[in-house]
Structure formats: C-alpha cells, structure tokens
Amino acid sequence: MAERINTPTVISAEEALRIEIILNQALIDILLAKGLISEDELIKGIKKIKREREIMTNDWDRHLK
C-alpha cells in the first residue's frame, strides 16, 4: 500500500493539473490493460461528461444574463 505523506504543501494550479493528468492517465491505462473497460467505453464516457459539462455551462451562463 502507498505511504501517505501528511504534510501540508501548497502547489500551483499548474502543478495540480499536471498531477491530475498523470493520475488519470495511469488509472485509464490500468483499466484498459486489465480489460475492465474498453476504449469504446472510455470514449463514450468522455463524450458523456463533456456533454454534461456543456449543459451545466449553458445553464450557468443563462442564469448570469
């Protein structure tokens, strides 16, 4: 099991994004390699989330007008 470091550290938004990208890619690679999801399922999931976020953005924009 991984060791957790409990020291409060401030990192930049850019570094946080870089860490998130690496973490997501590692998880995707593992899921695909183990056959737990297919590339098609991954792409469909990405498209679904993108649509949902676009709807949320449009709703938010409409409330600001």
PDB file of N, CA and C in Angstrom:
ATOM      1  N   MET A   1       0.833  -1.177   0.000  1.00  0.00           N
ATOM      2  CA  MET A   1       0.000   0.000   0.000  1.00  0.00           C
ATOM      3  C   MET A   1       0.879   1.242   0.000  1.00  0.00           C
ATOM      4  N   ALA A   2       0.446   2.278  -0.673  1.00  0.00           N
ATOM      5  CA  ALA A   2       1.218   3.505  -0.774  1.00  0.00           C
ATOM      6  C   ALA A   2       1.259   4.228   0.560  1.00  0.00           C
ATOM      7  N   GLU A   3       2.368   4.886   0.803  1.00  0.00           N
ATOM      8  CA  GLU A   3       2.512   5.655   2.030  1.00  0.00           C
ATOM      9  C   GLU A   3       1.983   7.065   1.806  1.00  0.00           C
ATOM     10  N   ARG A   4       1.169   7.525   2.719  1.00  0.00           N
ATOM     11  CA  ARG A   4       0.591   8.862   2.616  1.00  0.00           C
ATOM     12  C   ARG A   4       1.451   9.838   3.403  1.00  0.00           C
ATOM     13  N   ILE A   5       1.773  10.944   2.785  1.00  0.00           N
ATOM     14  CA  ILE A   5       2.544  11.991   3.449  1.00  0.00           C
ATOM     15  C   ILE A   5       1.559  13.035   3.944  1.00  0.00           C
ATOM     16  N   ASN A   6       1.593  13.331   5.222  1.00  0.00           N
ATOM     17  CA  ASN A   6       0.617  14.229   5.831  1.00  0.00           C
ATOM     18  C   ASN A   6       1.178  15.615   6.111  1.00  0.00           C
ATOM     19  N   THR A   7       1.995  16.130   5.226  1.00  0.00           N
ATOM     20  CA  THR A   7       2.500  17.487   5.408  1.00  0.00           C
ATOM     21  C   THR A   7       1.736  18.419   4.482  1.00  0.00           C
ATOM     22  N   PRO A   8       1.226  19.514   5.033  1.00  0.00           N
ATOM     23  CA  PRO A   8       0.500  20.460   4.174  1.00  0.00           C
ATOM     24  C   PRO A   8       1.471  21.167   3.233  1.00  0.00           C
ATOM     25  N   THR A   9       1.249  21.003   1.948  1.00  0.00           N
ATOM     26  CA  THR A   9       2.109  21.604   0.940  1.00  0.00           C
ATOM     27  C   THR A   9       1.247  22.360  -0.054  1.00  0.00           C
ATOM     28  N   VAL A  10       1.654  23.567  -0.352  1.00  0.00           N
ATOM     29  CA  VAL A  10       0.935  24.378  -1.329  1.00  0.00           C
ATOM     30  C   VAL A  10       1.619  24.190  -2.680  1.00  0.00           C
ATOM     31  N   ILE A  11       0.802  23.851  -3.682  1.00  0.00           N
ATOM     32  CA  ILE A  11       1.339  23.706  -5.028  1.00  0.00           C
ATOM     33  C   ILE A  11       0.548  24.617  -5.961  1.00  0.00           C
ATOM     34  N   SER A  12       1.144  24.920  -7.086  1.00  0.00           N
ATOM     35  CA  SER A  12       0.482  25.797  -8.047  1.00  0.00           C
ATOM     36  C   SER A  12      -0.652  25.060  -8.746  1.00  0.00           C
ATOM     37  N   ALA A  13      -1.553  25.822  -9.323  1.00  0.00           N
ATOM     38  CA  ALA A  13      -2.656  25.233 -10.087  1.00  0.00           C
ATOM     39  C   ALA A  13      -2.101  24.417 -11.252  1.00  0.00           C
ATOM     40  N   GLU A  14      -1.035  24.900 -11.856  1.00  0.00           N
ATOM     41  CA  GLU A  14      -0.413  24.185 -12.984  1.00  0.00           C
ATOM     42  C   GLU A  14       0.114  22.825 -12.528  1.00  0.00           C
ATOM     43  N   GLU A  15       0.767  22.781 -11.382  1.00  0.00           N
ATOM     44  CA  GLU A  15       1.297  21.516 -10.860  1.00  0.00           C
ATOM     45  C   GLU A  15       0.163  20.576 -10.469  1.00  0.00           C
ATOM     46  N   ALA A  16      -0.902  21.115  -9.875  1.00  0.00           N
ATOM     47  CA  ALA A  16      -2.062  20.296  -9.508  1.00  0.00           C
ATOM     48  C   ALA A  16      -2.687  19.680 -10.752  1.00  0.00           C
ATOM     49  N   LEU A  17      -2.798  20.462 -11.817  1.00  0.00           N
ATOM     50  CA  LEU A  17      -3.346  19.954 -13.073  1.00  0.00           C
ATOM     51  C   LEU A  17      -2.444  18.879 -13.661  1.00  0.00           C
ATOM     52  N   ARG A  18      -1.140  19.087 -13.626  1.00  0.00           N
ATOM     53  CA  ARG A  18      -0.188  18.101 -14.141  1.00  0.00           C
ATOM     54  C   ARG A  18      -0.317  16.780 -13.370  1.00  0.00           C
ATOM     55  N   ILE A  19      -0.433  16.857 -12.054  1.00  0.00           N
ATOM     56  CA  ILE A  19      -0.592  15.658 -11.225  1.00  0.00           C
ATOM     57  C   ILE A  19      -1.897  14.946 -11.567  1.00  0.00           C
ATOM     58  N   GLU A  20      -2.971  15.719 -11.738  1.00  0.00           N
ATOM     59  CA  GLU A  20      -4.282  15.140 -12.080  1.00  0.00           C
ATOM     60  C   GLU A  20      -4.230  14.420 -13.427  1.00  0.00           C
ATOM     61  N   ILE A  21      -3.563  15.001 -14.388  1.00  0.00           N
ATOM     62  CA  ILE A  21      -3.450  14.382 -15.711  1.00  0.00           C
ATOM     63  C   ILE A  21      -2.683  13.059 -15.614  1.00  0.00           C
ATOM     64  N   ILE A  22      -1.571  13.065 -14.888  1.00  0.00           N
ATOM     65  CA  ILE A  22      -0.771  11.847 -14.734  1.00  0.00           C
ATOM     66  C   ILE A  22      -1.577  10.767 -14.016  1.00  0.00           C
ATOM     67  N   LEU A  23      -2.259  11.127 -12.953  1.00  0.00           N
ATOM     68  CA  LEU A  23      -3.072  10.177 -12.199  1.00  0.00           C
ATOM     69  C   LEU A  23      -4.170   9.582 -13.073  1.00  0.00           C
ATOM     70  N   ASN A  24      -4.890  10.434 -13.796  1.00  0.00           N
ATOM     71  CA  ASN A  24      -5.961   9.951 -14.673  1.00  0.00           C
ATOM     72  C   ASN A  24      -5.430   9.021 -15.751  1.00  0.00           C
ATOM     73  N   GLN A  25      -4.301   9.378 -16.357  1.00  0.00           N
ATOM     74  CA  GLN A  25      -3.732   8.533 -17.401  1.00  0.00           C
ATOM     75  C   GLN A  25      -3.323   7.180 -16.851  1.00  0.00           C
ATOM     76  N   ALA A  26      -2.731   7.165 -15.655  1.00  0.00           N
ATOM     77  CA  ALA A  26      -2.332   5.897 -15.037  1.00  0.00           C
ATOM     78  C   ALA A  26      -3.551   5.016 -14.774  1.00  0.00           C
ATOM     79  N   LEU A  27      -4.620   5.602 -14.249  1.00  0.00           N
ATOM     80  CA  LEU A  27      -5.839   4.829 -13.982  1.00  0.00           C
ATOM     81  C   LEU A  27      -6.453   4.293 -15.275  1.00  0.00           C
ATOM     82  N   ILE A  28      -6.500   5.127 -16.292  1.00  0.00           N
ATOM     83  CA  ILE A  28      -7.047   4.688 -17.582  1.00  0.00           C
ATOM     84  C   ILE A  28      -6.217   3.530 -18.140  1.00  0.00           C
ATOM     85  N   ASP A  29      -4.899   3.671 -18.095  1.00  0.00           N
ATOM     86  CA  ASP A  29      -4.020   2.611 -18.607  1.00  0.00           C
ATOM     87  C   ASP A  29      -4.257   1.288 -17.880  1.00  0.00           C
ATOM     88  N   ILE A  30      -4.403   1.348 -16.565  1.00  0.00           N
ATOM     89  CA  ILE A  30      -4.631   0.131 -15.775  1.00  0.00           C
ATOM     90  C   ILE A  30      -5.979  -0.496 -16.121  1.00  0.00           C
ATOM     91  N   LEU A  31      -7.031   0.326 -16.178  1.00  0.00           N
ATOM     92  CA  LEU A  31      -8.369  -0.192 -16.504  1.00  0.00           C
ATOM     93  C   LEU A  31      -8.390  -0.849 -17.881  1.00  0.00           C
ATOM     94  N   LEU A  32      -7.753  -0.217 -18.861  1.00  0.00           N
ATOM     95  CA  LEU A  32      -7.712  -0.779 -20.213  1.00  0.00           C
ATOM     96  C   LEU A  32      -6.875  -2.067 -20.247  1.00  0.00           C
ATOM     97  N   ALA A  33      -5.722  -2.047 -19.589  1.00  0.00           N
ATOM     98  CA  ALA A  33      -4.828  -3.219 -19.603  1.00  0.00           C
ATOM     99  C   ALA A  33      -5.491  -4.433 -18.951  1.00  0.00           C
ATOM    100  N   LYS A  34      -6.264  -4.204 -17.900  1.00  0.00           N
ATOM    101  CA  LYS A  34      -6.945  -5.303 -17.207  1.00  0.00           C
ATOM    102  C   LYS A  34      -8.243  -5.699 -17.905  1.00  0.00           C
ATOM    103  N   GLY A  35      -8.630  -4.954 -18.930  1.00  0.00           N
ATOM    104  CA  GLY A  35      -9.853  -5.271 -19.651  1.00  0.00           C
ATOM    105  C   GLY A  35     -11.115  -4.924 -18.875  1.00  0.00           C
ATOM    106  N   LEU A  36     -10.983  -4.060 -17.883  1.00  0.00           N
ATOM    107  CA  LEU A  36     -12.151  -3.681 -17.093  1.00  0.00           C
ATOM    108  C   LEU A  36     -13.061  -2.720 -17.855  1.00  0.00           C
ATOM    109  N   ILE A  37     -12.474  -1.960 -18.776  1.00  0.00           N
ATOM    110  CA  ILE A  37     -13.243  -1.129 -19.698  1.00  0.00           C
ATOM    111  C   ILE A  37     -12.594  -1.236 -21.074  1.00  0.00           C
ATOM    112  N   SER A  38     -13.377  -0.956 -22.102  1.00  0.00           N
ATOM    113  CA  SER A  38     -12.828  -0.943 -23.458  1.00  0.00           C
ATOM    114  C   SER A  38     -12.555   0.509 -23.860  1.00  0.00           C
ATOM    115  N   GLU A  39     -11.778   0.676 -24.909  1.00  0.00           N
ATOM    116  CA  GLU A  39     -11.519   2.034 -25.400  1.00  0.00           C
ATOM    117  C   GLU A  39     -12.820   2.702 -25.827  1.00  0.00           C
ATOM    118  N   ASP A  40     -13.735   1.918 -26.390  1.00  0.00           N
ATOM    119  CA  ASP A  40     -15.029   2.452 -26.804  1.00  0.00           C
ATOM    120  C   ASP A  40     -15.814   2.974 -25.599  1.00  0.00           C
ATOM    121  N   GLU A  41     -15.807   2.204 -24.503  1.00  0.00           N
ATOM    122  CA  GLU A  41     -16.497   2.655 -23.287  1.00  0.00           C
ATOM    123  C   GLU A  41     -15.860   3.932 -22.741  1.00  0.00           C
ATOM    124  N   LEU A  42     -14.548   4.004 -22.803  1.00  0.00           N
ATOM    125  CA  LEU A  42     -13.830   5.190 -22.337  1.00  0.00           C
ATOM    126  C   LEU A  42     -14.225   6.415 -23.157  1.00  0.00           C
ATOM    127  N   ILE A  43     -14.219   6.276 -24.466  1.00  0.00           N
ATOM    128  CA  ILE A  43     -14.568   7.393 -25.338  1.00  0.00           C
ATOM    129  C   ILE A  43     -16.015   7.821 -25.125  1.00  0.00           C
ATOM    130  N   LYS A  44     -16.915   6.852 -25.008  1.00  0.00           N
ATOM    131  CA  LYS A  44     -18.322   7.188 -24.740  1.00  0.00           C
ATOM    132  C   LYS A  44     -18.460   7.932 -23.420  1.00  0.00           C
ATOM    133  N   GLY A  45     -17.730   7.497 -22.402  1.00  0.00           N
ATOM    134  CA  GLY A  45     -17.772   8.157 -21.099  1.00  0.00           C
ATOM    135  C   GLY A  45     -17.244   9.582 -21.170  1.00  0.00           C
ATOM    136  N   ILE A  46     -16.169   9.785 -21.907  1.00  0.00           N
ATOM    137  CA  ILE A  46     -15.605  11.130 -22.071  1.00  0.00           C
ATOM    138  C   ILE A  46     -16.609  12.039 -22.769  1.00  0.00           C
ATOM    139  N   LYS A  47     -17.231  11.536 -23.827  1.00  0.00           N
ATOM    140  CA  LYS A  47     -18.217  12.342 -24.557  1.00  0.00           C
ATOM    141  C   LYS A  47     -19.413  12.684 -23.678  1.00  0.00           C
ATOM    142  N   LYS A  48     -19.852  11.737 -22.859  1.00  0.00           N
ATOM    143  CA  LYS A  48     -20.988  11.970 -21.962  1.00  0.00           C
ATOM    144  C   LYS A  48     -20.665  13.073 -20.961  1.00  0.00           C
ATOM    145  N   ILE A  49     -19.492  12.995 -20.351  1.00  0.00           N
ATOM    146  CA  ILE A  49     -19.091  14.011 -19.383  1.00  0.00           C
ATOM    147  C   ILE A  49     -18.959  15.369 -20.055  1.00  0.00           C
ATOM    148  N   LYS A  50     -18.404  15.393 -21.264  1.00  0.00           N
ATOM    149  CA  LYS A  50     -18.259  16.658 -21.995  1.00  0.00           C
ATOM    150  C   LYS A  50     -19.626  17.284 -22.255  1.00  0.00           C
ATOM    151  N   ARG A  51     -20.608  16.466 -22.674  1.00  0.00           N
ATOM    152  CA  ARG A  51     -21.963  16.981 -22.907  1.00  0.00           C
ATOM    153  C   ARG A  51     -22.571  17.526 -21.625  1.00  0.00           C
ATOM    154  N   GLU A  52     -22.410  16.781 -20.527  1.00  0.00           N
ATOM    155  CA  GLU A  52     -22.963  17.211 -19.244  1.00  0.00           C
ATOM    156  C   GLU A  52     -22.354  18.542 -18.808  1.00  0.00           C
ATOM    157  N   ARG A  53     -21.062  18.689 -18.999  1.00  0.00           N
ATOM    158  CA  ARG A  53     -20.400  19.946 -18.614  1.00  0.00           C
ATOM    159  C   ARG A  53     -20.862  21.101 -19.495  1.00  0.00           C
ATOM    160  N   GLU A  54     -21.076  20.841 -20.776  1.00  0.00           N
ATOM    161  CA  GLU A  54     -21.577  21.884 -21.668  1.00  0.00           C
ATOM    162  C   GLU A  54     -22.968  22.329 -21.241  1.00  0.00           C
ATOM    163  N   ILE A  55     -23.804  21.379 -20.837  1.00  0.00           N
ATOM    164  CA  ILE A  55     -25.147  21.707 -20.361  1.00  0.00           C
ATOM    165  C   ILE A  55     -25.050  22.550 -19.096  1.00  0.00           C
ATOM    166  N   MET A  56     -24.178  22.148 -18.175  1.00  0.00           N
ATOM    167  CA  MET A  56     -24.017  22.907 -16.933  1.00  0.00           C
ATOM    168  C   MET A  56     -23.526  24.321 -17.223  1.00  0.00           C
ATOM    169  N   THR A  57     -22.586  24.457 -18.156  1.00  0.00           N
ATOM    170  CA  THR A  57     -22.046  25.774 -18.510  1.00  0.00           C
ATOM    171  C   THR A  57     -23.129  26.633 -19.127  1.00  0.00           C
ATOM    172  N   ASN A  58     -23.922  26.044 -20.014  1.00  0.00           N
ATOM    173  CA  ASN A  58     -25.002  26.798 -20.652  1.00  0.00           C
ATOM    174  C   ASN A  58     -26.028  27.239 -19.621  1.00  0.00           C
ATOM    175  N   ASP A  59     -26.377  26.362 -18.686  1.00  0.00           N
ATOM    176  CA  ASP A  59     -27.313  26.716 -17.619  1.00  0.00           C
ATOM    177  C   ASP A  59     -26.764  27.853 -16.778  1.00  0.00           C
ATOM    178  N   TRP A  60     -25.487  27.777 -16.429  1.00  0.00           N
ATOM    179  CA  TRP A  60     -24.858  28.801 -15.611  1.00  0.00           C
ATOM    180  C   TRP A  60     -24.854  30.132 -16.362  1.00  0.00           C
ATOM    181  N   ASP A  61     -24.491  30.101 -17.654  1.00  0.00           N
ATOM    182  CA  ASP A  61     -24.476  31.334 -18.451  1.00  0.00           C
ATOM    183  C   ASP A  61     -25.867  31.963 -18.517  1.00  0.00           C
ATOM    184  N   ARG A  62     -26.886  31.125 -18.644  1.00  0.00           N
ATOM    185  CA  ARG A  62     -28.248  31.630 -18.744  1.00  0.00           C
ATOM    186  C   ARG A  62     -28.660  32.333 -17.450  1.00  0.00           C
ATOM    187  N   HIS A  63     -28.221  31.837 -16.315  1.00  0.00           N
ATOM    188  CA  HIS A  63     -28.559  32.437 -15.021  1.00  0.00           C
ATOM    189  C   HIS A  63     -27.833  33.766 -14.803  1.00  0.00           C
ATOM    190  N   LEU A  64     -26.711  33.946 -15.468  1.00  0.00           N
ATOM    191  CA  LEU A  64     -25.931  35.178 -15.299  1.00  0.00           C
ATOM    192  C   LEU A  64     -26.489  36.330 -16.149  1.00  0.00           C
ATOM    193  N   LYS A  65     -27.322  36.020 -17.116  1.00  0.00           N
ATOM    194  CA  LYS A  65     -27.851  37.074 -18.012  1.00  0.00           C
ATOM    195  C   LYS A  65     -28.999  37.796 -17.378  1.00  0.00           C
TER     196      LYS A  65
END
